[in-house]
Amino acid sequence: MVSPDTPTPAHAAGRFEIGGELPVHRMGFGAMRLTGKGVWGPPADPAAALRVLRRALDLGITLIDTADSYGPFVSEDLIAEALHPYPEDLVIATKGGFVRTGPSRWHEVGRPAYLRQCVEMSLRRLKLEAIPLYQLHRIDPEVPREDQFGVLKELQDEGKIRHVGLSEVGVEAIEAAREIVEVATVQNRYSVGRREHEDVVDHCEREGIGFLPWYPLEAGKLADNGALDEAAGTLGATPAQVALAWLLRRSPVVLPIPGTSSVDHLEENAAAAALDLPDDVFTALSETPAEA
């Protein structure tokens, strides 16, 4: 099994500059799973969640992704409790645009006044003067998207947001947003087993836009992938590590953000940054039929 062989294994993933000026190590951490069941309420063991966040920094992770809807509010509160005052090299990315009405229930709300309120409250919870990366969690189909992009541009001009990202969008929407505000990142569901956004990854690479694949391990489901199992056995790694190494090799703009509530799993994921994926293994995995 691949294991951390340096104090900061995430450094082995290399770096990417968000917006051309915020450097992060490409292996990040997604803080959604630090909340309760259904991404609702506090974790069963808050102290363990704090340990995971602190250990992430120890491992060299400099990109933490969260959202006001995780809990709601729980994930952002935990990040501030565990890590504030923040190291200078830590980039916190958060998101807004969802209202939660219960466990596993998500509703898009993209009214400009609401998005402005989301930003103000995230600033307060995270104890930040400006959010390094703020992402529109979803484009609300009931609100003109130009209004949603426009309020993020206003907040950026006001100094409350440094960089703007989008989530679950296609190439056309990215380019529509870029007519109003510079798009630094895109966050779509993507993994070695689910690749319906190949065109978006390629577009982001051409344009220098960071691509954050959410659900990069499909909540552990990729462990049942025969091709991954075979590669893992050959390389002395876990299937999850191979899946993350594939993402890192897929494009230099890909920034995996695997999430976990376990320090052991966090360390395993971070170690994947040092896994050297041979050409034949990468090709075989890339040619394996995916869900889309």
Protein backbone atom coordinates (compact mmCIF):
# COMPACT_ATOMS: atom_id res chain seq x y z
CA MET A 1 0.00 0.00 0.00
CA VAL A 2 1.20 3.51 -0.78
CA SER A 3 1.76 5.39 2.44
CA PRO A 4 3.01 8.90 3.31
CA ASP A 5 6.80 8.76 3.00
CA THR A 6 7.30 12.46 3.68
CA PRO A 7 5.79 14.70 6.33
CA THR A 8 3.71 16.45 3.65
CA PRO A 9 2.72 13.89 0.99
CA ALA A 10 0.17 16.22 -0.66
CA HIS A 11 3.10 18.25 -2.01
CA ALA A 12 3.86 15.40 -4.44
CA ALA A 13 0.72 16.28 -6.43
CA GLY A 14 2.35 19.45 -7.72
CA ARG A 15 0.82 22.90 -7.71
CA PHE A 16 -1.83 24.87 -9.53
CA GLU A 17 -2.50 28.60 -9.32
CA ILE A 18 -6.20 29.37 -8.91
CA GLY A 19 -7.01 32.46 -10.91
CA GLY A 20 -3.37 32.61 -11.89
CA GLU A 21 -2.33 33.86 -8.47
CA LEU A 22 -3.47 31.56 -5.62
CA PRO A 23 -1.09 28.58 -5.51
CA VAL A 24 -2.42 25.33 -4.01
CA HIS A 25 -1.16 21.78 -3.90
CA ARG A 26 -3.33 19.84 -6.30
CA MET A 27 -4.46 17.25 -3.73
CA GLY A 28 -7.13 19.04 -1.71
CA PHE A 29 -9.73 18.09 0.86
CA GLY A 30 -13.52 18.22 0.66
CA ALA A 31 -15.21 19.00 3.98
CA MET A 32 -18.75 17.84 3.19
CA ARG A 33 -18.45 14.52 4.99
CA LEU A 34 -17.54 16.15 8.30
CA THR A 35 -21.24 16.76 8.91
CA GLY A 36 -24.04 14.46 10.05
CA LYS A 37 -25.90 11.84 8.04
CA GLY A 38 -27.45 13.23 4.86
CA VAL A 39 -25.03 16.20 5.13
CA TRP A 40 -27.34 17.42 7.88
CA GLY A 41 -26.50 18.54 11.39
CA PRO A 42 -23.28 18.14 13.36
CA PRO A 43 -20.98 15.12 13.14
CA ALA A 44 -21.39 12.29 15.61
CA ASP A 45 -17.88 13.04 16.89
CA PRO A 46 -17.03 16.76 16.55
CA ALA A 47 -13.60 16.28 18.07
CA ALA A 48 -12.74 13.74 15.38
CA ALA A 49 -13.81 16.20 12.68
CA LEU A 50 -11.49 18.83 14.11
CA ARG A 51 -8.63 16.31 14.12
CA VAL A 52 -9.23 15.53 10.44
CA LEU A 53 -9.06 19.19 9.48
CA ARG A 54 -5.87 19.81 11.44
CA ARG A 55 -4.27 16.66 10.06
CA ALA A 56 -5.09 17.81 6.52
CA LEU A 57 -2.80 20.79 6.99
CA ASP A 58 -0.10 18.59 8.50
CA LEU A 59 -0.18 16.51 5.32
CA GLY A 60 0.50 19.54 3.14
CA ILE A 61 -3.05 20.12 1.91
CA THR A 62 -3.58 23.79 1.08
CA LEU A 63 -7.04 23.66 -0.56
CA ILE A 64 -10.12 22.94 1.55
CA ASP A 65 -13.51 22.92 -0.16
CA THR A 66 -16.75 23.45 1.74
CA ALA A 67 -20.20 25.08 1.36
CA ASP A 68 -22.70 26.90 3.53
CA SER A 69 -25.19 24.09 2.78
CA TYR A 70 -23.03 21.40 4.39
CA GLY A 71 -24.86 20.98 7.67
CA PRO A 72 -26.06 23.60 6.84
CA PHE A 73 -23.32 25.87 8.20
CA VAL A 74 -21.68 23.05 10.22
CA SER A 75 -18.73 22.48 7.91
CA GLU A 76 -17.77 26.15 7.76
CA ASP A 77 -18.04 26.46 11.54
CA LEU A 78 -15.79 23.43 12.05
CA ILE A 79 -13.17 24.80 9.66
CA ALA A 80 -12.99 28.07 11.57
CA GLU A 81 -12.88 26.31 14.93
CA ALA A 82 -10.12 23.94 13.86
CA LEU A 83 -7.91 26.17 11.74
CA HIS A 84 -8.41 29.88 12.47
CA PRO A 85 -6.18 31.87 12.40
CA TYR A 86 -5.39 30.35 9.03
CA PRO A 87 -1.94 29.71 7.57
CA GLU A 88 -1.07 32.15 4.79
CA ASP A 89 -0.95 29.40 2.17
CA LEU A 90 -4.38 27.92 2.96
CA VAL A 91 -7.07 28.51 0.33
CA ILE A 92 -10.61 28.00 1.59
CA ALA A 93 -13.19 27.51 -1.13
CA THR A 94 -16.83 27.71 -0.18
CA LYS A 95 -20.12 27.72 -2.06
CA GLY A 96 -23.61 29.21 -1.90
CA GLY A 97 -26.88 28.87 -3.73
CA PHE A 98 -28.59 25.94 -2.02
CA VAL A 99 -31.25 26.00 0.68
CA ARG A 100 -31.55 22.93 2.88
CA THR A 101 -34.89 21.73 4.23
CA GLY A 102 -33.74 18.43 5.70
CA PRO A 103 -31.30 15.54 5.35
CA SER A 104 -30.35 14.93 1.71
CA ARG A 105 -32.69 17.74 0.54
CA TRP A 106 -31.23 20.48 -1.66
CA HIS A 107 -33.04 23.39 -3.36
CA GLU A 108 -31.42 25.92 -5.69
CA VAL A 109 -31.89 29.58 -4.77
CA GLY A 110 -29.97 32.01 -6.93
CA ARG A 111 -31.68 35.30 -6.24
CA PRO A 112 -28.98 37.99 -6.06
CA ALA A 113 -30.07 39.20 -2.62
CA TYR A 114 -29.87 35.67 -1.28
CA LEU A 115 -26.43 35.02 -2.79
CA ARG A 116 -25.19 38.26 -1.29
CA GLN A 117 -26.49 37.14 2.09
CA CYS A 118 -24.76 33.76 1.62
CA VAL A 119 -21.43 35.46 1.05
CA GLU A 120 -21.83 37.77 4.04
CA MET A 121 -22.68 34.88 6.36
CA SER A 122 -19.86 32.66 5.07
CA LEU A 123 -17.43 35.50 5.71
CA ARG A 124 -18.70 35.67 9.28
CA ARG A 125 -18.65 31.92 9.93
CA LEU A 126 -15.22 31.40 8.38
CA LYS A 127 -13.81 34.52 10.05
CA LEU A 128 -12.50 35.87 6.76
CA GLU A 129 -12.28 39.36 5.34
CA ALA A 130 -12.42 37.96 1.80
CA ILE A 131 -13.27 34.47 0.57
CA PRO A 132 -10.38 33.14 -1.55
CA LEU A 133 -12.66 31.13 -3.86
CA TYR A 134 -16.45 31.45 -3.88
CA GLN A 135 -18.42 29.04 -6.04
CA LEU A 136 -22.02 29.20 -7.24
CA HIS A 137 -23.22 25.83 -6.00
CA ARG A 138 -25.82 25.54 -8.76
CA ILE A 139 -27.30 27.87 -11.35
CA ASP A 140 -30.91 28.45 -10.30
CA PRO A 141 -33.08 27.83 -13.39
CA GLU A 142 -35.77 30.17 -12.00
CA VAL A 143 -33.46 33.21 -11.92
CA PRO A 144 -31.72 34.78 -14.94
CA ARG A 145 -28.23 33.38 -14.78
CA GLU A 146 -26.79 36.75 -15.75
CA ASP A 147 -28.15 38.10 -12.46
CA GLN A 148 -26.46 35.30 -10.53
CA PHE A 149 -23.11 35.83 -12.25
CA GLY A 150 -23.52 39.58 -11.90
CA VAL A 151 -23.91 39.65 -8.14
CA LEU A 152 -20.78 37.51 -7.76
CA LYS A 153 -18.91 40.03 -9.91
CA GLU A 154 -20.24 42.84 -7.67
CA LEU A 155 -19.07 41.02 -4.55
CA GLN A 156 -15.69 40.45 -6.14
CA ASP A 157 -15.40 44.14 -6.99
CA GLU A 158 -16.28 44.93 -3.38
CA GLY A 159 -13.37 42.78 -2.18
CA LYS A 160 -15.50 40.15 -0.45
CA ILE A 161 -14.60 37.44 -2.98
CA ARG A 162 -11.18 37.02 -4.55
CA HIS A 163 -12.06 34.43 -7.19
CA VAL A 164 -15.31 33.01 -8.55
CA GLY A 165 -16.09 29.41 -9.43
CA LEU A 166 -19.06 27.49 -10.82
CA SER A 167 -20.44 24.04 -10.05
CA GLU A 168 -22.22 21.49 -12.25
CA VAL A 169 -22.00 23.44 -15.49
CA GLY A 170 -21.26 22.75 -19.13
CA VAL A 171 -18.94 24.60 -21.47
CA GLU A 172 -21.68 26.93 -22.73
CA ALA A 173 -22.55 28.10 -19.21
CA ILE A 174 -18.88 28.62 -18.37
CA GLU A 175 -18.44 30.87 -21.37
CA ALA A 176 -21.67 32.74 -20.62
CA ALA A 177 -20.41 33.44 -17.12
CA ARG A 178 -17.02 34.58 -18.42
CA GLU A 179 -18.73 37.38 -20.32
CA ILE A 180 -19.59 38.84 -16.90
CA VAL A 181 -17.02 37.57 -14.40
CA GLU A 182 -13.71 35.75 -14.63
CA VAL A 183 -14.22 32.05 -13.84
CA ALA A 184 -11.30 30.61 -11.86
CA THR A 185 -12.62 27.10 -11.23
CA VAL A 186 -15.33 24.63 -12.16
CA GLN A 187 -16.55 21.90 -9.81
CA ASN A 188 -18.42 19.03 -11.48
CA ARG A 189 -19.05 15.42 -10.56
CA TYR A 190 -16.25 13.44 -12.18
CA SER A 191 -14.20 10.32 -11.49
CA VAL A 192 -12.50 7.47 -13.32
CA GLY A 193 -15.83 5.65 -13.18
CA ARG A 194 -18.03 8.59 -14.16
CA ARG A 195 -16.75 10.76 -16.98
CA GLU A 196 -19.66 12.62 -18.56
CA HIS A 197 -17.80 15.93 -18.21
CA GLU A 198 -14.76 15.09 -20.35
CA ASP A 199 -15.45 18.10 -22.58
CA VAL A 200 -15.52 20.39 -19.54
CA VAL A 201 -12.19 19.05 -18.26
CA ASP A 202 -10.63 19.59 -21.68
CA HIS A 203 -12.09 23.11 -21.91
CA CYS A 204 -10.79 24.00 -18.45
CA GLU A 205 -7.33 22.77 -19.39
CA ARG A 206 -7.28 24.89 -22.54
CA GLU A 207 -8.44 27.97 -20.64
CA GLY A 208 -6.34 27.52 -17.49
CA ILE A 209 -9.42 27.03 -15.30
CA GLY A 210 -9.08 24.78 -12.26
CA PHE A 211 -11.34 21.70 -12.30
CA LEU A 212 -12.45 20.32 -8.92
CA PRO A 213 -13.99 16.85 -9.33
CA TRP A 214 -16.56 16.28 -6.60
CA TYR A 215 -17.35 12.72 -5.58
CA PRO A 216 -13.92 11.68 -6.93
CA LEU A 217 -14.18 8.29 -5.21
CA GLU A 218 -17.95 7.87 -5.65
CA ALA A 219 -18.31 7.45 -1.86
CA GLY A 220 -16.23 4.27 -1.97
CA LYS A 221 -18.17 2.64 -4.81
CA LEU A 222 -15.07 2.66 -7.01
CA ALA A 223 -13.62 -0.03 -4.76
CA ASP A 224 -15.78 -2.49 -6.73
CA ASN A 225 -14.21 -1.51 -10.05
CA GLY A 226 -12.34 -4.50 -11.45
CA ALA A 227 -9.85 -2.43 -13.43
CA LEU A 228 -9.00 -0.39 -10.35
CA ASP A 229 -8.62 -3.52 -8.25
CA GLU A 230 -6.21 -4.99 -10.77
CA ALA A 231 -4.16 -1.80 -10.98
CA ALA A 232 -4.10 -1.45 -7.21
CA GLY A 233 -2.75 -4.98 -6.82
CA THR A 234 -0.04 -4.34 -9.38
CA LEU A 235 1.03 -1.03 -7.84
CA GLY A 236 0.76 -1.97 -4.17
CA ALA A 237 -1.87 0.69 -3.60
CA THR A 238 -5.55 0.85 -2.73
CA PRO A 239 -8.23 1.29 -5.42
CA ALA A 240 -8.99 4.74 -3.99
CA GLN A 241 -5.36 5.78 -4.35
CA VAL A 242 -5.27 4.60 -7.95
CA ALA A 243 -8.49 6.51 -8.69
CA LEU A 244 -7.02 9.70 -7.25
CA ALA A 245 -3.73 9.21 -9.08
CA TRP A 246 -5.70 8.82 -12.32
CA LEU A 247 -7.43 12.16 -11.69
CA LEU A 248 -4.13 13.91 -11.01
CA ARG A 249 -2.72 12.57 -14.26
CA ARG A 250 -5.89 13.25 -16.28
CA SER A 251 -5.05 16.97 -16.52
CA PRO A 252 -2.75 19.45 -14.78
CA VAL A 253 -5.79 21.60 -13.93
CA VAL A 254 -7.58 18.81 -12.01
CA LEU A 255 -7.68 19.41 -8.24
CA PRO A 256 -9.14 16.35 -6.48
CA ILE A 257 -10.95 17.09 -3.21
CA PRO A 258 -11.65 13.67 -1.65
CA GLY A 259 -13.59 13.94 1.58
CA THR A 260 -13.60 11.77 4.66
CA SER A 261 -14.35 11.88 8.37
CA SER A 262 -11.43 9.55 9.15
CA VAL A 263 -7.81 10.52 9.73
CA ASP A 264 -6.68 7.14 8.39
CA HIS A 265 -8.58 7.60 5.14
CA LEU A 266 -7.32 11.18 4.88
CA GLU A 267 -3.73 9.98 5.12
CA GLU A 268 -4.40 7.25 2.56
CA ASN A 269 -5.87 9.78 0.14
CA ALA A 270 -3.03 12.25 0.57
CA ALA A 271 -0.49 9.51 -0.10
CA ALA A 272 -2.04 8.98 -3.54
CA ALA A 273 -0.32 12.20 -4.61
CA ALA A 274 2.97 10.29 -4.68
CA LEU A 275 1.64 7.31 -6.68
CA ASP A 276 3.32 7.08 -10.06
CA LEU A 277 0.72 5.78 -12.51
CA PRO A 278 2.42 3.98 -15.44
CA ASP A 279 1.31 4.84 -18.97
CA ASP A 280 -0.31 1.46 -19.58
CA VAL A 281 -2.32 1.62 -16.36
CA PHE A 282 -3.52 5.15 -17.06
CA THR A 283 -4.54 4.19 -20.60
CA ALA A 284 -6.33 1.04 -19.45
CA LEU A 285 -8.32 2.93 -16.83
CA SER A 286 -9.12 5.72 -19.30
CA GLU A 287 -10.49 3.17 -21.75
CA THR A 288 -12.59 1.34 -19.18
CA PRO A 289 -16.30 1.98 -19.82
CA ALA A 290 -17.68 4.59 -17.43
CA GLU A 291 -21.23 5.35 -16.39
CA ALA A 292 -21.36 8.17 -18.91
